[in-house]
Amino acid sequence: MLFNAVLFDLDGTLTDPKPGITGCIQYALSELGYKPPDADELNWCIGPPLKDSFSQLLNTLDGTVIEQAISLYRHRFATIGLFENSLYPQISEVIKTIRFAGYKTFVATSKPYIYATRIIEHFGLSLLFDGVYGSELEGTRSIKSNLIQHILLTENLSPSTVVMVGDRSHDIIGAKHHQIASIGVTYGYGTEEELKAHGADFIAHSPSDIPKLIIRK
């Protein structure tokens, strides 16, 4: 396949956000009067939209309750959880290699844009991306297929020349919705079984595998 643009998921693909995300979920649940699960029991919440995660955690479809939980989560995340985060090894070098080979690179995350840009800036990655795309705080574009559609239209990208790199099923589902290729990464929070089950075209077991799957020889 001949690509010229690469979309990178953020959480679980570029960075390991576990301490921040799980800590903020635990805080929100505690503030609502619930006994929160241990951090290791919340790994499944890393990647999907917060609305979906809190709906399952609270066993409710009540939008008011879910929004209250999200508000509490963001109260902590905006000042503390945002930076309880670390880059996966080799990520900077991987993106530089892909860009040096002539490809455009974009961040495509369900996380709100205002947080995603701060995280990318925090890790000194801003100059390595042609654009950072995320959701709006009220939830617009939190579904990966909607986000990818927005990027394709805004950047005038042809689906056949784009590849999505992500660690969870919704990254793969979003890519397939627009007939774009996908690379599932197993060093994040999704398993190889999850990624293959949803149709990942390629599997990367470490960041260093990604350029090998993209760059034309």
N, C-alpha and C. Protein backbone atom coordinates (compact mmCIF):
# COMPACT_ATOMS: atom_id res chain seq x y z
N MET A 1 0.84 -1.20 0.00
CA MET A 1 0.00 0.00 0.00
C MET A 1 0.88 1.25 0.00
N LEU A 2 0.44 2.25 -0.75
CA LEU A 2 1.22 3.49 -0.84
C LEU A 2 0.51 4.57 -0.04
N PHE A 3 1.12 4.96 1.06
CA PHE A 3 0.54 5.97 1.93
C PHE A 3 1.28 7.30 1.76
N ASN A 4 0.59 8.40 2.11
CA ASN A 4 1.32 9.67 2.22
C ASN A 4 0.94 10.44 3.48
N ALA A 5 0.02 9.88 4.28
CA ALA A 5 -0.37 10.54 5.53
C ALA A 5 -0.64 9.48 6.60
N VAL A 6 -0.21 9.79 7.83
CA VAL A 6 -0.35 8.86 8.94
C VAL A 6 -1.11 9.53 10.07
N LEU A 7 -2.18 8.89 10.54
CA LEU A 7 -2.94 9.38 11.68
C LEU A 7 -2.55 8.57 12.91
N PHE A 8 -2.11 9.24 13.96
CA PHE A 8 -1.70 8.58 15.18
C PHE A 8 -2.72 8.83 16.29
N ASP A 9 -3.22 7.75 16.88
CA ASP A 9 -3.96 7.88 18.12
C ASP A 9 -2.99 8.43 19.18
N LEU A 10 -3.52 8.98 20.26
CA LEU A 10 -2.66 9.55 21.31
C LEU A 10 -2.50 8.58 22.48
N ASP A 11 -3.57 8.37 23.24
CA ASP A 11 -3.49 7.52 24.43
C ASP A 11 -3.27 6.06 24.05
N GLY A 12 -2.19 5.48 24.57
CA GLY A 12 -1.90 4.08 24.29
C GLY A 12 -1.15 3.85 23.00
N THR A 13 -0.87 4.93 22.27
CA THR A 13 -0.13 4.82 21.00
C THR A 13 1.11 5.70 21.02
N LEU A 14 0.92 6.98 21.33
CA LEU A 14 2.07 7.89 21.47
C LEU A 14 2.51 7.98 22.93
N THR A 15 1.53 8.01 23.82
CA THR A 15 1.85 8.15 25.25
C THR A 15 1.14 7.09 26.08
N ASP A 16 1.72 6.83 27.25
CA ASP A 16 1.08 5.96 28.24
C ASP A 16 0.40 6.86 29.26
N PRO A 17 -0.91 7.00 29.19
CA PRO A 17 -1.63 7.96 30.04
C PRO A 17 -2.25 7.33 31.29
N LYS A 18 -1.89 6.08 31.58
CA LYS A 18 -2.61 5.33 32.62
C LYS A 18 -2.73 6.05 33.96
N PRO A 19 -1.64 6.57 34.55
CA PRO A 19 -1.79 7.19 35.88
C PRO A 19 -2.80 8.33 35.88
N GLY A 20 -2.76 9.17 34.85
CA GLY A 20 -3.66 10.32 34.81
C GLY A 20 -5.11 9.93 34.59
N ILE A 21 -5.35 9.06 33.62
CA ILE A 21 -6.73 8.68 33.30
C ILE A 21 -7.36 7.89 34.45
N THR A 22 -6.65 6.89 34.95
CA THR A 22 -7.23 6.07 36.02
C THR A 22 -7.40 6.88 37.30
N GLY A 23 -6.44 7.76 37.59
CA GLY A 23 -6.54 8.60 38.78
C GLY A 23 -7.73 9.53 38.72
N CYS A 24 -8.01 10.06 37.54
CA CYS A 24 -9.13 11.00 37.39
C CYS A 24 -10.47 10.27 37.43
N ILE A 25 -10.51 9.04 36.89
CA ILE A 25 -11.74 8.25 36.98
C ILE A 25 -12.01 7.89 38.44
N GLN A 26 -10.97 7.49 39.16
CA GLN A 26 -11.13 7.16 40.58
C GLN A 26 -11.61 8.37 41.37
N TYR A 27 -11.07 9.53 41.07
CA TYR A 27 -11.47 10.76 41.75
C TYR A 27 -12.95 11.05 41.49
N ALA A 28 -13.36 10.95 40.23
CA ALA A 28 -14.76 11.25 39.88
C ALA A 28 -15.72 10.29 40.58
N LEU A 29 -15.38 9.01 40.56
CA LEU A 29 -16.25 8.02 41.20
C LEU A 29 -16.34 8.25 42.72
N SER A 30 -15.19 8.58 43.33
CA SER A 30 -15.17 8.84 44.77
C SER A 30 -16.04 10.04 45.13
N GLU A 31 -15.93 11.10 44.31
CA GLU A 31 -16.71 12.31 44.56
C GLU A 31 -18.21 12.05 44.42
N LEU A 32 -18.56 11.05 43.62
CA LEU A 32 -19.97 10.71 43.43
C LEU A 32 -20.45 9.69 44.47
N GLY A 33 -19.53 9.29 45.36
CA GLY A 33 -19.91 8.38 46.43
C GLY A 33 -19.72 6.90 46.15
N TYR A 34 -19.00 6.60 45.09
CA TYR A 34 -18.73 5.20 44.73
C TYR A 34 -17.33 4.80 45.18
N LYS A 35 -17.16 3.52 45.45
CA LYS A 35 -15.84 2.99 45.74
C LYS A 35 -15.18 2.66 44.40
N PRO A 36 -14.13 3.39 44.01
CA PRO A 36 -13.56 3.18 42.67
C PRO A 36 -12.76 1.89 42.58
N PRO A 37 -12.73 1.27 41.40
CA PRO A 37 -11.88 0.10 41.19
C PRO A 37 -10.40 0.48 41.27
N ASP A 38 -9.55 -0.51 41.45
CA ASP A 38 -8.11 -0.28 41.40
C ASP A 38 -7.72 0.18 39.99
N ALA A 39 -6.60 0.86 39.89
CA ALA A 39 -6.15 1.40 38.60
C ALA A 39 -6.04 0.31 37.53
N ASP A 40 -5.50 -0.86 37.91
CA ASP A 40 -5.32 -1.93 36.93
C ASP A 40 -6.63 -2.46 36.39
N GLU A 41 -7.72 -2.23 37.12
CA GLU A 41 -9.03 -2.69 36.66
C GLU A 41 -9.69 -1.67 35.73
N LEU A 42 -9.00 -0.56 35.48
CA LEU A 42 -9.56 0.50 34.64
C LEU A 42 -8.84 0.63 33.30
N ASN A 43 -7.97 -0.32 32.99
CA ASN A 43 -7.23 -0.24 31.72
C ASN A 43 -8.16 -0.17 30.52
N TRP A 44 -9.30 -0.82 30.60
CA TRP A 44 -10.24 -0.83 29.47
C TRP A 44 -10.83 0.56 29.19
N CYS A 45 -10.70 1.47 30.14
CA CYS A 45 -11.22 2.83 29.96
C CYS A 45 -10.26 3.72 29.17
N ILE A 46 -9.05 3.23 28.92
CA ILE A 46 -8.05 4.04 28.21
C ILE A 46 -8.26 3.89 26.72
N GLY A 47 -8.72 4.97 26.09
CA GLY A 47 -8.97 4.95 24.65
C GLY A 47 -10.39 5.31 24.27
N PRO A 48 -11.40 4.58 24.75
CA PRO A 48 -12.78 4.90 24.38
C PRO A 48 -13.23 6.25 24.92
N PRO A 49 -14.29 6.83 24.34
CA PRO A 49 -14.83 8.09 24.86
C PRO A 49 -15.23 7.96 26.33
N LEU A 50 -14.99 9.00 27.11
CA LEU A 50 -15.32 9.00 28.53
C LEU A 50 -16.80 8.70 28.79
N LYS A 51 -17.65 9.21 27.92
CA LYS A 51 -19.09 9.00 28.09
C LYS A 51 -19.41 7.52 28.15
N ASP A 52 -18.79 6.74 27.26
CA ASP A 52 -19.04 5.30 27.23
C ASP A 52 -18.49 4.62 28.48
N SER A 53 -17.30 5.03 28.88
CA SER A 53 -16.67 4.41 30.05
C SER A 53 -17.48 4.66 31.32
N PHE A 54 -17.89 5.91 31.53
CA PHE A 54 -18.65 6.22 32.74
C PHE A 54 -20.04 5.59 32.72
N SER A 55 -20.62 5.45 31.55
CA SER A 55 -21.92 4.78 31.44
C SER A 55 -21.81 3.35 31.95
N GLN A 56 -20.71 2.67 31.59
CA GLN A 56 -20.50 1.30 32.06
C GLN A 56 -20.11 1.26 33.54
N LEU A 57 -19.22 2.16 33.94
CA LEU A 57 -18.76 2.16 35.33
C LEU A 57 -19.89 2.45 36.31
N LEU A 58 -20.79 3.34 35.92
CA LEU A 58 -21.90 3.74 36.78
C LEU A 58 -23.17 2.94 36.50
N ASN A 59 -23.09 2.08 35.48
CA ASN A 59 -24.23 1.25 35.09
C ASN A 59 -25.49 2.09 34.89
N THR A 60 -25.32 3.15 34.08
CA THR A 60 -26.44 4.06 33.84
C THR A 60 -26.38 4.65 32.43
N LEU A 61 -27.56 5.00 31.93
CA LEU A 61 -27.66 5.75 30.67
C LEU A 61 -28.13 7.17 30.94
N ASP A 62 -28.21 7.53 32.22
CA ASP A 62 -28.66 8.87 32.63
C ASP A 62 -27.61 9.90 32.24
N GLY A 63 -27.93 10.70 31.24
CA GLY A 63 -26.98 11.68 30.73
C GLY A 63 -26.52 12.68 31.77
N THR A 64 -27.41 13.06 32.69
CA THR A 64 -27.06 14.04 33.72
C THR A 64 -25.99 13.48 34.65
N VAL A 65 -26.15 12.23 35.05
CA VAL A 65 -25.17 11.59 35.94
C VAL A 65 -23.83 11.41 35.23
N ILE A 66 -23.89 10.99 33.97
CA ILE A 66 -22.66 10.78 33.20
C ILE A 66 -21.90 12.09 33.02
N GLU A 67 -22.63 13.16 32.70
CA GLU A 67 -21.99 14.46 32.52
C GLU A 67 -21.39 14.98 33.83
N GLN A 68 -22.02 14.67 34.94
CA GLN A 68 -21.48 15.06 36.25
C GLN A 68 -20.15 14.35 36.49
N ALA A 69 -20.11 13.06 36.15
CA ALA A 69 -18.88 12.30 36.31
C ALA A 69 -17.77 12.84 35.41
N ILE A 70 -18.12 13.17 34.17
CA ILE A 70 -17.13 13.71 33.23
C ILE A 70 -16.61 15.06 33.73
N SER A 71 -17.50 15.88 34.27
CA SER A 71 -17.10 17.18 34.80
C SER A 71 -16.11 17.03 35.95
N LEU A 72 -16.36 16.09 36.84
CA LEU A 72 -15.45 15.82 37.95
C LEU A 72 -14.11 15.30 37.45
N TYR A 73 -14.16 14.40 36.48
CA TYR A 73 -12.95 13.86 35.86
C TYR A 73 -12.09 15.01 35.31
N ARG A 74 -12.73 15.89 34.57
CA ARG A 74 -11.98 16.97 33.92
C ARG A 74 -11.47 18.01 34.91
N HIS A 75 -12.17 18.15 36.03
CA HIS A 75 -11.71 19.07 37.07
C HIS A 75 -10.30 18.70 37.52
N ARG A 76 -10.06 17.40 37.67
CA ARG A 76 -8.72 16.94 38.07
C ARG A 76 -7.79 16.82 36.87
N PHE A 77 -8.33 16.38 35.75
CA PHE A 77 -7.48 16.13 34.59
C PHE A 77 -6.84 17.41 34.06
N ALA A 78 -7.60 18.50 34.05
CA ALA A 78 -7.13 19.76 33.46
C ALA A 78 -5.90 20.33 34.14
N THR A 79 -5.69 19.98 35.41
CA THR A 79 -4.56 20.55 36.15
C THR A 79 -3.53 19.53 36.59
N ILE A 80 -3.97 18.29 36.82
CA ILE A 80 -3.07 17.27 37.35
C ILE A 80 -2.91 16.09 36.39
N GLY A 81 -4.04 15.47 36.05
CA GLY A 81 -4.01 14.24 35.27
C GLY A 81 -3.41 14.38 33.89
N LEU A 82 -3.55 15.57 33.33
CA LEU A 82 -3.03 15.86 31.99
C LEU A 82 -1.56 15.48 31.83
N PHE A 83 -0.78 15.71 32.88
CA PHE A 83 0.66 15.50 32.78
C PHE A 83 1.14 14.26 33.55
N GLU A 84 0.18 13.46 34.06
CA GLU A 84 0.53 12.16 34.64
C GLU A 84 0.57 11.17 33.47
N ASN A 85 1.60 11.27 32.69
CA ASN A 85 1.62 10.73 31.34
C ASN A 85 3.08 10.58 30.93
N SER A 86 3.39 9.62 30.08
CA SER A 86 4.77 9.48 29.60
C SER A 86 4.80 9.01 28.16
N LEU A 87 5.81 9.46 27.42
CA LEU A 87 5.97 9.01 26.04
C LEU A 87 6.45 7.57 26.03
N TYR A 88 5.91 6.80 25.08
CA TYR A 88 6.46 5.46 24.90
C TYR A 88 7.88 5.58 24.33
N PRO A 89 8.76 4.65 24.64
CA PRO A 89 10.14 4.70 24.13
C PRO A 89 10.15 4.76 22.60
N GLN A 90 11.06 5.56 22.08
CA GLN A 90 11.33 5.66 20.63
C GLN A 90 10.28 6.44 19.84
N ILE A 91 9.21 6.90 20.48
CA ILE A 91 8.14 7.56 19.73
C ILE A 91 8.64 8.77 18.95
N SER A 92 9.42 9.63 19.59
CA SER A 92 9.93 10.82 18.88
C SER A 92 10.72 10.42 17.64
N GLU A 93 11.60 9.42 17.79
CA GLU A 93 12.43 8.98 16.67
C GLU A 93 11.57 8.36 15.57
N VAL A 94 10.55 7.62 15.95
CA VAL A 94 9.65 7.00 14.98
C VAL A 94 8.95 8.05 14.12
N ILE A 95 8.42 9.07 14.77
CA ILE A 95 7.70 10.12 14.01
C ILE A 95 8.68 10.89 13.13
N LYS A 96 9.86 11.19 13.66
CA LYS A 96 10.87 11.88 12.85
C LYS A 96 11.23 11.06 11.61
N THR A 97 11.40 9.75 11.78
CA THR A 97 11.75 8.87 10.67
C THR A 97 10.66 8.91 9.59
N ILE A 98 9.41 8.85 10.02
CA ILE A 98 8.28 8.85 9.08
C ILE A 98 8.19 10.19 8.36
N ARG A 99 8.37 11.28 9.08
CA ARG A 99 8.32 12.61 8.45
C ARG A 99 9.50 12.82 7.51
N PHE A 100 10.67 12.36 7.92
CA PHE A 100 11.87 12.52 7.08
C PHE A 100 11.70 11.77 5.75
N ALA A 101 10.90 10.70 5.80
CA ALA A 101 10.65 9.92 4.58
C ALA A 101 9.58 10.56 3.69
N GLY A 102 9.03 11.70 4.14
CA GLY A 102 8.12 12.47 3.29
C GLY A 102 6.64 12.35 3.59
N TYR A 103 6.29 11.73 4.69
CA TYR A 103 4.88 11.54 5.02
C TYR A 103 4.35 12.66 5.90
N LYS A 104 3.08 13.00 5.73
CA LYS A 104 2.41 13.92 6.63
C LYS A 104 1.98 13.14 7.88
N THR A 105 2.00 13.79 9.03
CA THR A 105 1.63 13.12 10.27
C THR A 105 0.61 13.96 11.04
N PHE A 106 -0.38 13.29 11.59
CA PHE A 106 -1.44 13.96 12.35
C PHE A 106 -1.76 13.17 13.61
N VAL A 107 -2.17 13.89 14.65
CA VAL A 107 -2.71 13.24 15.84
C VAL A 107 -4.22 13.16 15.66
N ALA A 108 -4.78 11.96 15.91
CA ALA A 108 -6.23 11.75 15.80
C ALA A 108 -6.70 11.06 17.07
N THR A 109 -7.19 11.85 18.02
CA THR A 109 -7.55 11.31 19.34
C THR A 109 -8.98 11.67 19.73
N SER A 110 -9.64 10.76 20.46
CA SER A 110 -10.96 11.04 20.99
C SER A 110 -10.90 12.02 22.15
N LYS A 111 -9.69 12.23 22.69
CA LYS A 111 -9.50 13.18 23.78
C LYS A 111 -9.81 14.59 23.28
N PRO A 112 -10.38 15.46 24.12
CA PRO A 112 -10.64 16.83 23.68
C PRO A 112 -9.38 17.51 23.14
N TYR A 113 -9.58 18.24 22.06
CA TYR A 113 -8.49 18.94 21.36
C TYR A 113 -7.68 19.82 22.31
N ILE A 114 -8.36 20.51 23.22
CA ILE A 114 -7.64 21.45 24.09
C ILE A 114 -6.65 20.73 25.00
N TYR A 115 -6.96 19.48 25.36
CA TYR A 115 -6.02 18.70 26.17
C TYR A 115 -4.94 18.06 25.30
N ALA A 116 -5.35 17.56 24.14
CA ALA A 116 -4.39 16.89 23.25
C ALA A 116 -3.26 17.83 22.83
N THR A 117 -3.60 19.07 22.50
CA THR A 117 -2.56 20.01 22.08
C THR A 117 -1.60 20.32 23.22
N ARG A 118 -2.12 20.42 24.44
CA ARG A 118 -1.24 20.70 25.59
C ARG A 118 -0.30 19.52 25.86
N ILE A 119 -0.80 18.31 25.69
CA ILE A 119 0.04 17.13 25.90
C ILE A 119 1.14 17.06 24.84
N ILE A 120 0.77 17.28 23.59
CA ILE A 120 1.76 17.26 22.49
C ILE A 120 2.82 18.33 22.72
N GLU A 121 2.39 19.52 23.15
CA GLU A 121 3.35 20.60 23.45
C GLU A 121 4.23 20.24 24.64
N HIS A 122 3.63 19.65 25.66
CA HIS A 122 4.36 19.26 26.88
C HIS A 122 5.53 18.34 26.56
N PHE A 123 5.33 17.43 25.61
CA PHE A 123 6.38 16.48 25.26
C PHE A 123 7.27 16.96 24.10
N GLY A 124 7.09 18.21 23.69
CA GLY A 124 7.93 18.78 22.64
C GLY A 124 7.73 18.15 21.28
N LEU A 125 6.51 17.71 20.99
CA LEU A 125 6.24 17.03 19.72
C LEU A 125 5.52 17.90 18.69
N SER A 126 5.21 19.13 19.04
CA SER A 126 4.38 19.96 18.16
C SER A 126 4.92 20.07 16.74
N LEU A 127 6.23 20.22 16.60
CA LEU A 127 6.82 20.39 15.27
C LEU A 127 6.87 19.09 14.47
N LEU A 128 6.51 17.97 15.10
CA LEU A 128 6.54 16.69 14.40
C LEU A 128 5.20 16.31 13.79
N PHE A 129 4.20 17.19 13.96
CA PHE A 129 2.88 16.89 13.41
C PHE A 129 2.37 18.05 12.55
N ASP A 130 1.71 17.69 11.45
CA ASP A 130 1.09 18.70 10.58
C ASP A 130 -0.21 19.22 11.19
N GLY A 131 -0.77 18.47 12.12
CA GLY A 131 -2.00 18.91 12.78
C GLY A 131 -2.34 18.00 13.94
N VAL A 132 -3.01 18.56 14.93
CA VAL A 132 -3.50 17.79 16.08
C VAL A 132 -5.02 17.90 16.08
N TYR A 133 -5.70 16.75 16.00
CA TYR A 133 -7.15 16.73 15.95
C TYR A 133 -7.71 15.93 17.12
N GLY A 134 -8.74 16.48 17.74
CA GLY A 134 -9.40 15.80 18.84
C GLY A 134 -10.87 16.16 18.87
N SER A 135 -11.53 15.78 19.94
CA SER A 135 -12.96 16.06 20.07
C SER A 135 -13.17 17.45 20.67
N GLU A 136 -14.43 17.86 20.69
CA GLU A 136 -14.83 19.06 21.42
C GLU A 136 -15.27 18.63 22.82
N LEU A 137 -15.25 19.54 23.77
CA LEU A 137 -15.58 19.19 25.15
C LEU A 137 -17.00 18.63 25.29
N GLU A 138 -17.91 19.08 24.41
CA GLU A 138 -19.29 18.59 24.54
C GLU A 138 -19.49 17.25 23.83
N GLY A 139 -18.42 16.71 23.25
CA GLY A 139 -18.50 15.36 22.70
C GLY A 139 -18.43 15.24 21.19
N THR A 140 -18.54 16.35 20.48
CA THR A 140 -18.45 16.29 19.02
C THR A 140 -17.11 15.68 18.59
N ARG A 141 -17.15 14.74 17.69
CA ARG A 141 -15.99 14.04 17.12
C ARG A 141 -15.27 13.14 18.14
N SER A 142 -15.97 12.74 19.22
CA SER A 142 -15.35 11.79 20.15
C SER A 142 -15.40 10.37 19.59
N ILE A 143 -16.31 10.13 18.64
CA ILE A 143 -16.36 8.84 17.94
C ILE A 143 -15.31 8.88 16.83
N LYS A 144 -14.46 7.87 16.78
CA LYS A 144 -13.28 7.90 15.90
C LYS A 144 -13.64 8.07 14.43
N SER A 145 -14.71 7.42 13.98
CA SER A 145 -15.07 7.55 12.56
C SER A 145 -15.44 8.98 12.21
N ASN A 146 -16.11 9.69 13.12
CA ASN A 146 -16.46 11.10 12.88
C ASN A 146 -15.21 11.97 12.86
N LEU A 147 -14.27 11.67 13.75
CA LEU A 147 -13.01 12.42 13.81
C LEU A 147 -12.22 12.22 12.53
N ILE A 148 -12.11 10.98 12.08
CA ILE A 148 -11.35 10.69 10.87
C ILE A 148 -11.98 11.38 9.66
N GLN A 149 -13.31 11.36 9.58
CA GLN A 149 -13.99 12.05 8.48
C GLN A 149 -13.64 13.54 8.48
N HIS A 150 -13.62 14.14 9.66
CA HIS A 150 -13.28 15.56 9.79
C HIS A 150 -11.85 15.83 9.31
N ILE A 151 -10.92 14.95 9.66
CA ILE A 151 -9.52 15.12 9.23
C ILE A 151 -9.39 14.96 7.72
N LEU A 152 -10.04 13.95 7.17
CA LEU A 152 -9.97 13.71 5.72
C LEU A 152 -10.47 14.93 4.95
N LEU A 153 -11.58 15.51 5.41
CA LEU A 153 -12.16 16.67 4.73
C LEU A 153 -11.31 17.92 4.92
N THR A 154 -10.89 18.16 6.16
CA THR A 154 -10.13 19.37 6.47
C THR A 154 -8.78 19.39 5.77
N GLU A 155 -8.11 18.24 5.73
CA GLU A 155 -6.77 18.17 5.16
C GLU A 155 -6.79 17.72 3.69
N ASN A 156 -8.00 17.50 3.15
CA ASN A 156 -8.15 17.08 1.75
C ASN A 156 -7.31 15.83 1.46
N LEU A 157 -7.49 14.81 2.29
CA LEU A 157 -6.74 13.57 2.15
C LEU A 157 -7.59 12.50 1.47
N SER A 158 -7.00 11.75 0.60
CA SER A 158 -7.68 10.63 -0.05
C SER A 158 -7.56 9.40 0.84
N PRO A 159 -8.68 8.75 1.18
CA PRO A 159 -8.63 7.59 2.09
C PRO A 159 -7.62 6.53 1.68
N SER A 160 -7.45 6.33 0.41
CA SER A 160 -6.54 5.27 -0.06
C SER A 160 -5.07 5.56 0.24
N THR A 161 -4.77 6.80 0.63
CA THR A 161 -3.38 7.18 0.90
C THR A 161 -3.10 7.40 2.39
N VAL A 162 -4.07 7.04 3.23
CA VAL A 162 -3.98 7.31 4.67
C VAL A 162 -3.91 6.00 5.45
N VAL A 163 -3.15 6.00 6.54
CA VAL A 163 -3.12 4.86 7.46
C VAL A 163 -3.33 5.36 8.88
N MET A 164 -4.17 4.65 9.63
CA MET A 164 -4.45 4.98 11.03
C MET A 164 -3.65 4.05 11.93
N VAL A 165 -2.98 4.63 12.93
CA VAL A 165 -2.19 3.85 13.88
C VAL A 165 -2.82 4.01 15.26
N GLY A 166 -3.25 2.90 15.85
CA GLY A 166 -3.90 2.99 17.16
C GLY A 166 -3.86 1.67 17.91
N ASP A 167 -4.22 1.73 19.20
CA ASP A 167 -4.09 0.54 20.05
C ASP A 167 -5.41 -0.10 20.45
N ARG A 168 -6.54 0.49 20.07
CA ARG A 168 -7.83 -0.07 20.50
C ARG A 168 -8.74 -0.33 19.31
N SER A 169 -9.78 -1.12 19.55
CA SER A 169 -10.69 -1.51 18.48
C SER A 169 -11.34 -0.31 17.80
N HIS A 170 -11.66 0.74 18.57
CA HIS A 170 -12.36 1.87 17.95
C HIS A 170 -11.47 2.62 16.94
N ASP A 171 -10.14 2.51 17.09
CA ASP A 171 -9.24 3.09 16.08
C ASP A 171 -9.38 2.33 14.77
N ILE A 172 -9.44 1.00 14.88
CA ILE A 172 -9.55 0.14 13.70
C ILE A 172 -10.93 0.29 13.06
N ILE A 173 -11.96 0.31 13.89
CA ILE A 173 -13.34 0.47 13.39
C ILE A 173 -13.49 1.79 12.65
N GLY A 174 -12.94 2.86 13.25
CA GLY A 174 -13.01 4.18 12.61
C GLY A 174 -12.31 4.21 11.27
N ALA A 175 -11.16 3.54 11.19
CA ALA A 175 -10.42 3.48 9.93
C ALA A 175 -11.20 2.72 8.87
N LYS A 176 -11.72 1.56 9.24
CA LYS A 176 -12.44 0.72 8.28
C LYS A 176 -13.71 1.42 7.78
N HIS A 177 -14.32 2.24 8.63
CA HIS A 177 -15.52 2.98 8.24
C HIS A 177 -15.26 3.86 7.02
N HIS A 178 -14.00 4.31 6.88
CA HIS A 178 -13.64 5.19 5.76
C HIS A 178 -12.72 4.50 4.76
N GLN A 179 -12.64 3.17 4.86
CA GLN A 179 -11.81 2.39 3.94
C GLN A 179 -10.35 2.85 3.93
N ILE A 180 -9.84 3.20 5.11
CA ILE A 180 -8.42 3.52 5.19
C ILE A 180 -7.71 2.39 5.93
N ALA A 181 -6.43 2.21 5.62
CA ALA A 181 -5.65 1.12 6.23
C ALA A 181 -5.41 1.40 7.71
N SER A 182 -5.11 0.34 8.45
CA SER A 182 -4.88 0.52 9.89
C SER A 182 -3.75 -0.36 10.39
N ILE A 183 -3.02 0.20 11.36
CA ILE A 183 -1.97 -0.54 12.06
C ILE A 183 -2.37 -0.59 13.53
N GLY A 184 -2.55 -1.79 14.05
CA GLY A 184 -2.87 -1.95 15.46
C GLY A 184 -1.59 -2.14 16.25
N VAL A 185 -1.42 -1.38 17.33
CA VAL A 185 -0.21 -1.52 18.14
C VAL A 185 -0.55 -2.27 19.43
N THR A 186 0.31 -3.22 19.78
CA THR A 186 0.03 -4.08 20.94
C THR A 186 0.75 -3.65 22.21
N TYR A 187 1.56 -2.58 22.14
CA TYR A 187 2.26 -2.12 23.34
C TYR A 187 1.40 -1.17 24.17
N GLY A 188 0.20 -0.85 23.65
CA GLY A 188 -0.71 0.04 24.38
C GLY A 188 -1.69 -0.75 25.23
N TYR A 189 -3.00 -0.47 25.06
CA TYR A 189 -3.99 -1.07 25.95
C TYR A 189 -4.97 -2.01 25.26
N GLY A 190 -4.74 -2.28 23.99
CA GLY A 190 -5.55 -3.26 23.29
C GLY A 190 -4.71 -4.50 23.01
N THR A 191 -5.35 -5.64 22.92
CA THR A 191 -4.63 -6.88 22.64
C THR A 191 -4.57 -7.13 21.14
N GLU A 192 -3.64 -8.00 20.74
CA GLU A 192 -3.56 -8.37 19.33
C GLU A 192 -4.87 -9.01 18.88
N GLU A 193 -5.50 -9.79 19.76
CA GLU A 193 -6.76 -10.43 19.42
C GLU A 193 -7.85 -9.39 19.15
N GLU A 194 -7.93 -8.38 20.01
CA GLU A 194 -8.92 -7.31 19.83
C GLU A 194 -8.71 -6.60 18.50
N LEU A 195 -7.46 -6.27 18.20
CA LEU A 195 -7.14 -5.51 17.00
C LEU A 195 -7.41 -6.33 15.74
N LYS A 196 -7.01 -7.58 15.75
CA LYS A 196 -7.22 -8.45 14.58
C LYS A 196 -8.70 -8.75 14.38
N ALA A 197 -9.42 -8.91 15.49
CA ALA A 197 -10.84 -9.22 15.40
C ALA A 197 -11.63 -8.11 14.71
N HIS A 198 -11.14 -6.88 14.82
CA HIS A 198 -11.83 -5.75 14.19
C HIS A 198 -11.22 -5.36 12.85
N GLY A 199 -10.25 -6.16 12.38
CA GLY A 199 -9.77 -5.99 11.01
C GLY A 199 -8.53 -5.17 10.81
N ALA A 200 -7.66 -5.07 11.82
CA ALA A 200 -6.40 -4.34 11.63
C ALA A 200 -5.62 -4.95 10.46
N ASP A 201 -5.12 -4.11 9.58
CA ASP A 201 -4.39 -4.60 8.41
C ASP A 201 -2.98 -5.05 8.76
N PHE A 202 -2.41 -4.39 9.77
CA PHE A 202 -1.05 -4.72 10.19
C PHE A 202 -1.00 -4.67 11.72
N ILE A 203 -0.01 -5.34 12.32
CA ILE A 203 0.19 -5.31 13.76
C ILE A 203 1.63 -4.86 14.05
N ALA A 204 1.77 -3.89 14.97
CA ALA A 204 3.09 -3.43 15.41
C ALA A 204 3.23 -3.78 16.89
N HIS A 205 4.26 -4.53 17.22
CA HIS A 205 4.45 -4.93 18.61
C HIS A 205 5.31 -3.94 19.39
N SER A 206 5.96 -3.03 18.70
CA SER A 206 6.74 -1.98 19.35
C SER A 206 6.70 -0.75 18.46
N PRO A 207 6.97 0.45 19.00
CA PRO A 207 6.98 1.64 18.16
C PRO A 207 7.91 1.52 16.95
N SER A 208 9.04 0.83 17.13
CA SER A 208 10.01 0.73 16.03
C SER A 208 9.48 -0.09 14.85
N ASP A 209 8.41 -0.87 15.07
CA ASP A 209 7.80 -1.63 13.97
C ASP A 209 7.01 -0.73 13.02
N ILE A 210 6.54 0.42 13.51
CA ILE A 210 5.61 1.25 12.74
C ILE A 210 6.22 1.76 11.43
N PRO A 211 7.41 2.37 11.44
CA PRO A 211 7.98 2.85 10.17
C PRO A 211 8.18 1.72 9.15
N LYS A 212 8.51 0.53 9.63
CA LYS A 212 8.76 -0.60 8.73
C LYS A 212 7.50 -0.98 7.96
N LEU A 213 6.35 -0.73 8.57
CA LEU A 213 5.07 -1.05 7.94
C LEU A 213 4.56 0.04 7.02
N ILE A 214 5.13 1.24 7.13
CA ILE A 214 4.63 2.39 6.39
C ILE A 214 5.54 2.82 5.25
N ILE A 215 6.83 2.92 5.54
CA ILE A 215 7.75 3.53 4.57
C ILE A 215 8.03 2.59 3.39
N ARG A 216 7.85 3.12 2.20
CA ARG A 216 8.12 2.37 0.99
C ARG A 216 9.61 2.18 0.82
N LYS A 217 10.01 0.99 0.48
CA LYS A 217 11.43 0.72 0.24
C LYS A 217 11.85 1.18 -1.15
